[in-house]
Amino acid sequence: MNKATLYFSDKSMLEIHEGDLITPIVRNELEKSSASMAESVEVWNHTHNGLIPSIMDAFVAGDYFYLNHEYSTAYNSQAVVKIILS
């Protein structure tokens, strides 16, 4: 299980692989009216639960995220309706 497919509410999909970096977008604690990037979370493979624990670690940090420092697309973690491991 070194790949996860995320299904979003708009029917789009995103593949995440072991070793990918998820960068949560969070509220800036100093300036509550602005956003900033949190520390990236490396996707790792859990012995029993696959990639899901590390993906959830990133999702609890913020409502939006970037994947692999590709800053042209921000994804909404709250719009994920299903994750399938393969």
PDB file of N, CA and C in Angstrom:
ATOM      1  N   MET A   1       0.833  -1.182   0.000  1.00  0.00           N
ATOM      2  CA  MET A   1       0.000   0.000   0.000  1.00  0.00           C
ATOM      3  C   MET A   1       0.879   1.246   0.000  1.00  0.00           C
ATOM      4  N   ASN A   2       1.435   1.590  -1.124  1.00  0.00           N
ATOM      5  CA  ASN A   2       2.303   2.763  -1.179  1.00  0.00           C
ATOM      6  C   ASN A   2       1.715   3.885  -2.012  1.00  0.00           C
ATOM      7  N   LYS A   3       0.400   3.789  -2.268  1.00  0.00           N
ATOM      8  CA  LYS A   3      -0.293   4.834  -3.016  1.00  0.00           C
ATOM      9  C   LYS A   3      -1.688   4.991  -2.426  1.00  0.00           C
ATOM     10  N   ALA A   4      -2.148   6.248  -2.367  1.00  0.00           N
ATOM     11  CA  ALA A   4      -3.508   6.527  -1.925  1.00  0.00           C
ATOM     12  C   ALA A   4      -4.168   7.421  -2.962  1.00  0.00           C
ATOM     13  N   THR A   5      -5.394   7.108  -3.286  1.00  0.00           N
ATOM     14  CA  THR A   5      -6.176   7.956  -4.177  1.00  0.00           C
ATOM     15  C   THR A   5      -7.216   8.674  -3.342  1.00  0.00           C
ATOM     16  N   LEU A   6      -7.166  10.003  -3.395  1.00  0.00           N
ATOM     17  CA  LEU A   6      -8.130  10.837  -2.680  1.00  0.00           C
ATOM     18  C   LEU A   6      -9.238  11.221  -3.651  1.00  0.00           C
ATOM     19  N   TYR A   7     -10.476  11.045  -3.216  1.00  0.00           N
ATOM     20  CA  TYR A   7     -11.643  11.426  -4.008  1.00  0.00           C
ATOM     21  C   TYR A   7     -12.284  12.642  -3.339  1.00  0.00           C
ATOM     22  N   PHE A   8     -12.476  13.688  -4.125  1.00  0.00           N
ATOM     23  CA  PHE A   8     -13.028  14.936  -3.614  1.00  0.00           C
ATOM     24  C   PHE A   8     -14.518  15.040  -3.942  1.00  0.00           C
ATOM     25  N   SER A   9     -15.199  15.926  -3.241  1.00  0.00           N
ATOM     26  CA  SER A   9     -16.640  16.083  -3.414  1.00  0.00           C
ATOM     27  C   SER A   9     -17.028  16.553  -4.816  1.00  0.00           C
ATOM     28  N   ASP A  10     -16.097  17.183  -5.545  1.00  0.00           N
ATOM     29  CA  ASP A  10     -16.402  17.626  -6.912  1.00  0.00           C
ATOM     30  C   ASP A  10     -16.099  16.543  -7.947  1.00  0.00           C
ATOM     31  N   LYS A  11     -15.838  15.323  -7.481  1.00  0.00           N
ATOM     32  CA  LYS A  11     -15.564  14.132  -8.311  1.00  0.00           C
ATOM     33  C   LYS A  11     -14.129  14.093  -8.852  1.00  0.00           C
ATOM     34  N   SER A  12     -13.287  15.049  -8.473  1.00  0.00           N
ATOM     35  CA  SER A  12     -11.886  14.984  -8.898  1.00  0.00           C
ATOM     36  C   SER A  12     -11.125  14.014  -7.993  1.00  0.00           C
ATOM     37  N   MET A  13      -9.941  13.601  -8.462  1.00  0.00           N
ATOM     38  CA  MET A  13      -9.121  12.648  -7.730  1.00  0.00           C
ATOM     39  C   MET A  13      -7.692  13.168  -7.658  1.00  0.00           C
ATOM     40  N   LEU A  14      -6.964  12.699  -6.646  1.00  0.00           N
ATOM     41  CA  LEU A  14      -5.571  13.056  -6.469  1.00  0.00           C
ATOM     42  C   LEU A  14      -4.834  11.837  -5.935  1.00  0.00           C
ATOM     43  N   GLU A  15      -3.740  11.465  -6.594  1.00  0.00           N
ATOM     44  CA  GLU A  15      -2.923  10.351  -6.119  1.00  0.00           C
ATOM     45  C   GLU A  15      -1.802  10.875  -5.243  1.00  0.00           C
ATOM     46  N   ILE A  16      -1.628  10.240  -4.102  1.00  0.00           N
ATOM     47  CA  ILE A  16      -0.534  10.559  -3.193  1.00  0.00           C
ATOM     48  C   ILE A  16       0.286   9.292  -3.004  1.00  0.00           C
ATOM     49  N   HIS A  17       1.604   9.440  -3.067  1.00  0.00           N
ATOM     50  CA  HIS A  17       2.518   8.299  -2.963  1.00  0.00           C
ATOM     51  C   HIS A  17       3.396   8.432  -1.729  1.00  0.00           C
ATOM     52  N   GLU A  18       3.871   7.294  -1.259  1.00  0.00           N
ATOM     53  CA  GLU A  18       4.826   7.298  -0.158  1.00  0.00           C
ATOM     54  C   GLU A  18       6.017   8.178  -0.546  1.00  0.00           C
ATOM     55  N   GLY A  19       6.445   9.041   0.367  1.00  0.00           N
ATOM     56  CA  GLY A  19       7.545   9.959   0.099  1.00  0.00           C
ATOM     57  C   GLY A  19       7.102  11.333  -0.376  1.00  0.00           C
ATOM     58  N   ASP A  20       5.833  11.479  -0.793  1.00  0.00           N
ATOM     59  CA  ASP A  20       5.324  12.795  -1.178  1.00  0.00           C
ATOM     60  C   ASP A  20       5.315  13.715   0.048  1.00  0.00           C
ATOM     61  N   LEU A  21       5.299  15.005  -0.219  1.00  0.00           N
ATOM     62  CA  LEU A  21       5.230  15.997   0.846  1.00  0.00           C
ATOM     63  C   LEU A  21       3.906  16.746   0.768  1.00  0.00           C
ATOM     64  N   ILE A  22       3.182  16.771   1.878  1.00  0.00           N
ATOM     65  CA  ILE A  22       1.938  17.533   1.985  1.00  0.00           C
ATOM     66  C   ILE A  22       2.237  18.744   2.856  1.00  0.00           C
ATOM     67  N   THR A  23       1.954  19.935   2.326  1.00  0.00           N
ATOM     68  CA  THR A  23       2.194  21.166   3.073  1.00  0.00           C
ATOM     69  C   THR A  23       0.855  21.789   3.449  1.00  0.00           C
ATOM     70  N   PRO A  24       0.478  21.714   4.726  1.00  0.00           N
ATOM     71  CA  PRO A  24      -0.777  22.328   5.162  1.00  0.00           C
ATOM     72  C   PRO A  24      -0.714  23.856   5.078  1.00  0.00           C
ATOM     73  N   ILE A  25      -1.832  24.459   4.737  1.00  0.00           N
ATOM     74  CA  ILE A  25      -1.969  25.908   4.739  1.00  0.00           C
ATOM     75  C   ILE A  25      -2.773  26.246   5.990  1.00  0.00           C
ATOM     76  N   VAL A  26      -2.182  27.068   6.854  1.00  0.00           N
ATOM     77  CA  VAL A  26      -2.777  27.334   8.155  1.00  0.00           C
ATOM     78  C   VAL A  26      -2.975  28.828   8.375  1.00  0.00           C
ATOM     79  N   ARG A  27      -3.754  29.157   9.368  1.00  0.00           N
ATOM     80  CA  ARG A  27      -3.936  30.559   9.765  1.00  0.00           C
ATOM     81  C   ARG A  27      -2.661  31.027  10.451  1.00  0.00           C
ATOM     82  N   ASN A  28      -2.188  32.180  10.045  1.00  0.00           N
ATOM     83  CA  ASN A  28      -0.995  32.765  10.661  1.00  0.00           C
ATOM     84  C   ASN A  28      -1.340  33.147  12.097  1.00  0.00           C
ATOM     85  N   GLU A  29      -0.629  32.579  13.064  1.00  0.00           N
ATOM     86  CA  GLU A  29      -0.931  32.821  14.472  1.00  0.00           C
ATOM     87  C   GLU A  29      -0.660  34.263  14.900  1.00  0.00           C
ATOM     88  N   LEU A  30       0.273  34.920  14.233  1.00  0.00           N
ATOM     89  CA  LEU A  30       0.575  36.315  14.588  1.00  0.00           C
ATOM     90  C   LEU A  30      -0.416  37.282  13.971  1.00  0.00           C
ATOM     91  N   GLU A  31      -0.752  37.023  12.720  1.00  0.00           N
ATOM     92  CA  GLU A  31      -1.721  37.859  12.006  1.00  0.00           C
ATOM     93  C   GLU A  31      -2.913  36.978  11.666  1.00  0.00           C
ATOM     94  N   LYS A  32      -3.940  37.025  12.445  1.00  0.00           N
ATOM     95  CA  LYS A  32      -5.091  36.128  12.281  1.00  0.00           C
ATOM     96  C   LYS A  32      -5.789  36.266  10.932  1.00  0.00           C
ATOM     97  N   SER A  33      -5.530  37.366  10.220  1.00  0.00           N
ATOM     98  CA  SER A  33      -6.217  37.591   8.951  1.00  0.00           C
ATOM     99  C   SER A  33      -5.416  37.105   7.747  1.00  0.00           C
ATOM    100  N   SER A  34      -4.317  36.391   7.978  1.00  0.00           N
ATOM    101  CA  SER A  34      -3.529  35.907   6.840  1.00  0.00           C
ATOM    102  C   SER A  34      -3.199  34.429   7.013  1.00  0.00           C
ATOM    103  N   ALA A  35      -2.851  33.805   5.912  1.00  0.00           N
ATOM    104  CA  ALA A  35      -2.514  32.378   5.903  1.00  0.00           C
ATOM    105  C   ALA A  35      -1.014  32.199   5.689  1.00  0.00           C
ATOM    106  N   SER A  36      -0.528  31.058   6.105  1.00  0.00           N
ATOM    107  CA  SER A  36       0.875  30.727   5.866  1.00  0.00           C
ATOM    108  C   SER A  36       0.998  29.216   5.724  1.00  0.00           C
ATOM    109  N   MET A  37       2.153  28.780   5.296  1.00  0.00           N
ATOM    110  CA  MET A  37       2.390  27.351   5.127  1.00  0.00           C
ATOM    111  C   MET A  37       2.972  26.781   6.413  1.00  0.00           C
ATOM    112  N   ALA A  38       2.435  25.650   6.838  1.00  0.00           N
ATOM    113  CA  ALA A  38       2.976  24.945   7.992  1.00  0.00           C
ATOM    114  C   ALA A  38       4.127  24.059   7.508  1.00  0.00           C
ATOM    115  N   GLU A  39       4.761  23.386   8.437  1.00  0.00           N
ATOM    116  CA  GLU A  39       5.837  22.469   8.085  1.00  0.00           C
ATOM    117  C   GLU A  39       5.272  21.306   7.268  1.00  0.00           C
ATOM    118  N   SER A  40       5.970  20.935   6.217  1.00  0.00           N
ATOM    119  CA  SER A  40       5.520  19.840   5.356  1.00  0.00           C
ATOM    120  C   SER A  40       5.541  18.514   6.108  1.00  0.00           C
ATOM    121  N   VAL A  41       4.606  17.658   5.748  1.00  0.00           N
ATOM    122  CA  VAL A  41       4.504  16.314   6.328  1.00  0.00           C
ATOM    123  C   VAL A  41       4.866  15.318   5.231  1.00  0.00           C
ATOM    124  N   GLU A  42       5.863  14.485   5.483  1.00  0.00           N
ATOM    125  CA  GLU A  42       6.226  13.447   4.506  1.00  0.00           C
ATOM    126  C   GLU A  42       5.260  12.279   4.663  1.00  0.00           C
ATOM    127  N   VAL A  43       4.741  11.797   3.541  1.00  0.00           N
ATOM    128  CA  VAL A  43       3.818  10.670   3.545  1.00  0.00           C
ATOM    129  C   VAL A  43       4.630   9.390   3.728  1.00  0.00           C
ATOM    130  N   TRP A  44       4.298   8.643   4.763  1.00  0.00           N
ATOM    131  CA  TRP A  44       5.008   7.409   5.089  1.00  0.00           C
ATOM    132  C   TRP A  44       4.011   6.266   5.201  1.00  0.00           C
ATOM    133  N   ASN A  45       4.517   5.057   5.098  1.00  0.00           N
ATOM    134  CA  ASN A  45       3.682   3.867   5.078  1.00  0.00           C
ATOM    135  C   ASN A  45       3.637   3.225   6.460  1.00  0.00           C
ATOM    136  N   HIS A  46       2.465   3.197   7.077  1.00  0.00           N
ATOM    137  CA  HIS A  46       2.250   2.530   8.358  1.00  0.00           C
ATOM    138  C   HIS A  46       2.087   1.036   8.093  1.00  0.00           C
ATOM    139  N   THR A  47       2.619   0.218   8.974  1.00  0.00           N
ATOM    140  CA  THR A  47       2.597  -1.238   8.788  1.00  0.00           C
ATOM    141  C   THR A  47       1.196  -1.786   8.562  1.00  0.00           C
ATOM    142  N   HIS A  48       0.221  -1.307   9.325  1.00  0.00           N
ATOM    143  CA  HIS A  48      -1.138  -1.847   9.233  1.00  0.00           C
ATOM    144  C   HIS A  48      -2.122  -0.936   8.509  1.00  0.00           C
ATOM    145  N   ASN A  49      -1.880   0.375   8.540  1.00  0.00           N
ATOM    146  CA  ASN A  49      -2.872   1.328   8.020  1.00  0.00           C
ATOM    147  C   ASN A  49      -2.420   2.078   6.778  1.00  0.00           C
ATOM    148  N   GLY A  50      -1.319   1.666   6.182  1.00  0.00           N
ATOM    149  CA  GLY A  50      -0.868   2.286   4.938  1.00  0.00           C
ATOM    150  C   GLY A  50      -0.519   3.756   5.102  1.00  0.00           C
ATOM    151  N   LEU A  51      -0.892   4.549   4.128  1.00  0.00           N
ATOM    152  CA  LEU A  51      -0.542   5.971   4.096  1.00  0.00           C
ATOM    153  C   LEU A  51      -1.513   6.864   4.867  1.00  0.00           C
ATOM    154  N   ILE A  52      -2.636   6.306   5.277  1.00  0.00           N
ATOM    155  CA  ILE A  52      -3.690   7.125   5.878  1.00  0.00           C
ATOM    156  C   ILE A  52      -3.237   7.880   7.132  1.00  0.00           C
ATOM    157  N   PRO A  53      -2.511   7.278   8.080  1.00  0.00           N
ATOM    158  CA  PRO A  53      -2.111   8.052   9.265  1.00  0.00           C
ATOM    159  C   PRO A  53      -1.297   9.306   8.941  1.00  0.00           C
ATOM    160  N   SER A  54      -0.357   9.208   8.018  1.00  0.00           N
ATOM    161  CA  SER A  54       0.451  10.394   7.701  1.00  0.00           C
ATOM    162  C   SER A  54      -0.358  11.424   6.921  1.00  0.00           C
ATOM    163  N   ILE A  55      -1.271  10.988   6.082  1.00  0.00           N
ATOM    164  CA  ILE A  55      -2.148  11.931   5.372  1.00  0.00           C
ATOM    165  C   ILE A  55      -3.020  12.675   6.377  1.00  0.00           C
ATOM    166  N   MET A  56      -3.556  11.956   7.361  1.00  0.00           N
ATOM    167  CA  MET A  56      -4.391  12.596   8.381  1.00  0.00           C
ATOM    168  C   MET A  56      -3.581  13.555   9.240  1.00  0.00           C
ATOM    169  N   ASP A  57      -2.316  13.231   9.514  1.00  0.00           N
ATOM    170  CA  ASP A  57      -1.455  14.159  10.261  1.00  0.00           C
ATOM    171  C   ASP A  57      -1.399  15.516   9.558  1.00  0.00           C
ATOM    172  N   ALA A  58      -1.317  15.499   8.243  1.00  0.00           N
ATOM    173  CA  ALA A  58      -1.265  16.755   7.486  1.00  0.00           C
ATOM    174  C   ALA A  58      -2.627  17.440   7.456  1.00  0.00           C
ATOM    175  N   PHE A  59      -3.693  16.675   7.331  1.00  0.00           N
ATOM    176  CA  PHE A  59      -5.028  17.260   7.205  1.00  0.00           C
ATOM    177  C   PHE A  59      -5.515  17.903   8.493  1.00  0.00           C
ATOM    178  N   VAL A  60      -5.122  17.404   9.646  1.00  0.00           N
ATOM    179  CA  VAL A  60      -5.583  18.021  10.892  1.00  0.00           C
ATOM    180  C   VAL A  60      -4.902  19.368  11.141  1.00  0.00           C
ATOM    181  N   ALA A  61      -3.803  19.627  10.431  1.00  0.00           N
ATOM    182  CA  ALA A  61      -3.069  20.880  10.621  1.00  0.00           C
ATOM    183  C   ALA A  61      -3.752  22.068   9.945  1.00  0.00           C
ATOM    184  N   GLY A  62      -4.478  21.830   8.854  1.00  0.00           N
ATOM    185  CA  GLY A  62      -5.109  22.941   8.138  1.00  0.00           C
ATOM    186  C   GLY A  62      -6.180  22.459   7.186  1.00  0.00           C
ATOM    187  N   ASP A  63      -7.033  23.390   6.752  1.00  0.00           N
ATOM    188  CA  ASP A  63      -8.137  23.039   5.848  1.00  0.00           C
ATOM    189  C   ASP A  63      -7.712  22.925   4.387  1.00  0.00           C
ATOM    190  N   TYR A  64      -6.573  23.495   4.043  1.00  0.00           N
ATOM    191  CA  TYR A  64      -6.069  23.441   2.670  1.00  0.00           C
ATOM    192  C   TYR A  64      -4.641  22.930   2.689  1.00  0.00           C
ATOM    193  N   PHE A  65      -4.185  22.414   1.530  1.00  0.00           N
ATOM    194  CA  PHE A  65      -2.823  21.904   1.465  1.00  0.00           C
ATOM    195  C   PHE A  65      -2.274  21.976   0.044  1.00  0.00           C
ATOM    196  N   TYR A  66      -0.961  21.976  -0.032  1.00  0.00           N
ATOM    197  CA  TYR A  66      -0.230  21.825  -1.291  1.00  0.00           C
ATOM    198  C   TYR A  66       0.377  20.427  -1.305  1.00  0.00           C
ATOM    199  N   LEU A  67       0.628  19.911  -2.505  1.00  0.00           N
ATOM    200  CA  LEU A  67       1.289  18.615  -2.637  1.00  0.00           C
ATOM    201  C   LEU A  67       2.618  18.806  -3.350  1.00  0.00           C
ATOM    202  N   ASN A  68       3.693  18.326  -2.745  1.00  0.00           N
ATOM    203  CA  ASN A  68       5.037  18.328  -3.332  1.00  0.00           C
ATOM    204  C   ASN A  68       5.505  19.705  -3.783  1.00  0.00           C
ATOM    205  N   HIS A  69       5.241  20.699  -2.994  1.00  0.00           N
ATOM    206  CA  HIS A  69       5.689  22.072  -3.273  1.00  0.00           C
ATOM    207  C   HIS A  69       5.206  22.591  -4.631  1.00  0.00           C
ATOM    208  N   GLU A  70       4.112  22.057  -5.115  1.00  0.00           N
ATOM    209  CA  GLU A  70       3.470  22.554  -6.335  1.00  0.00           C
ATOM    210  C   GLU A  70       2.453  23.590  -5.887  1.00  0.00           C
ATOM    211  N   TYR A  71       2.852  24.862  -5.931  1.00  0.00           N
ATOM    212  CA  TYR A  71       2.053  25.926  -5.335  1.00  0.00           C
ATOM    213  C   TYR A  71       1.010  26.526  -6.273  1.00  0.00           C
ATOM    214  N   SER A  72       0.842  25.954  -7.445  1.00  0.00           N
ATOM    215  CA  SER A  72      -0.172  26.483  -8.355  1.00  0.00           C
ATOM    216  C   SER A  72      -1.562  25.928  -8.049  1.00  0.00           C
ATOM    217  N   THR A  73      -1.638  24.870  -7.225  1.00  0.00           N
ATOM    218  CA  THR A  73      -2.923  24.284  -6.847  1.00  0.00           C
ATOM    219  C   THR A  73      -2.957  24.036  -5.348  1.00  0.00           C
ATOM    220  N   ALA A  74      -3.974  24.582  -4.692  1.00  0.00           N
ATOM    221  CA  ALA A  74      -4.218  24.298  -3.282  1.00  0.00           C
ATOM    222  C   ALA A  74      -5.479  23.436  -3.209  1.00  0.00           C
ATOM    223  N   TYR A  75      -5.414  22.377  -2.423  1.00  0.00           N
ATOM    224  CA  TYR A  75      -6.527  21.435  -2.286  1.00  0.00           C
ATOM    225  C   TYR A  75      -7.206  21.646  -0.934  1.00  0.00           C
ATOM    226  N   ASN A  76      -8.517  21.410  -0.883  1.00  0.00           N
ATOM    227  CA  ASN A  76      -9.276  21.522   0.353  1.00  0.00           C
ATOM    228  C   ASN A  76      -9.358  20.144   1.003  1.00  0.00           C
ATOM    229  N   SER A  77      -8.712  19.982   2.141  1.00  0.00           N
ATOM    230  CA  SER A  77      -8.710  18.693   2.813  1.00  0.00           C
ATOM    231  C   SER A  77     -10.107  18.313   3.337  1.00  0.00           C
ATOM    232  N   GLN A  78     -10.950  19.302   3.568  1.00  0.00           N
ATOM    233  CA  GLN A  78     -12.301  19.024   4.059  1.00  0.00           C
ATOM    234  C   GLN A  78     -13.227  18.540   2.947  1.00  0.00           C
ATOM    235  N   ALA A  79     -12.793  18.648   1.700  1.00  0.00           N
ATOM    236  CA  ALA A  79     -13.597  18.193   0.572  1.00  0.00           C
ATOM    237  C   ALA A  79     -13.309  16.747   0.190  1.00  0.00           C
ATOM    238  N   VAL A  80     -12.382  16.099   0.887  1.00  0.00           N
ATOM    239  CA  VAL A  80     -12.084  14.688   0.622  1.00  0.00           C
ATOM    240  C   VAL A  80     -13.220  13.852   1.173  1.00  0.00           C
ATOM    241  N   VAL A  81     -13.806  13.021   0.307  1.00  0.00           N
ATOM    242  CA  VAL A  81     -14.923  12.177   0.745  1.00  0.00           C
ATOM    243  C   VAL A  81     -14.515  10.713   0.899  1.00  0.00           C
ATOM    244  N   LYS A  82     -13.367  10.350   0.289  1.00  0.00           N
ATOM    245  CA  LYS A  82     -12.941   8.956   0.377  1.00  0.00           C
ATOM    246  C   LYS A  82     -11.456   8.852   0.054  1.00  0.00           C
ATOM    247  N   ILE A  83     -10.775   7.921   0.726  1.00  0.00           N
ATOM    248  CA  ILE A  83      -9.371   7.626   0.429  1.00  0.00           C
ATOM    249  C   ILE A  83      -9.272   6.119   0.217  1.00  0.00           C
ATOM    250  N   ILE A  84      -8.717   5.727  -0.932  1.00  0.00           N
ATOM    251  CA  ILE A  84      -8.538   4.305  -1.229  1.00  0.00           C
ATOM    252  C   ILE A  84      -7.051   4.026  -1.362  1.00  0.00           C
ATOM    253  N   LEU A  85      -6.583   3.031  -0.622  1.00  0.00           N
ATOM    254  CA  LEU A  85      -5.169   2.630  -0.679  1.00  0.00           C
ATOM    255  C   LEU A  85      -4.978   1.569  -1.743  1.00  0.00           C
ATOM    256  N   SER A  86      -3.826   1.626  -2.396  1.00  0.00           N
ATOM    257  CA  SER A  86      -3.499   0.570  -3.369  1.00  0.00           C
ATOM    258  C   SER A  86      -1.990   0.401  -3.443  1.00  0.00           C
TER     259      SER A  86
END
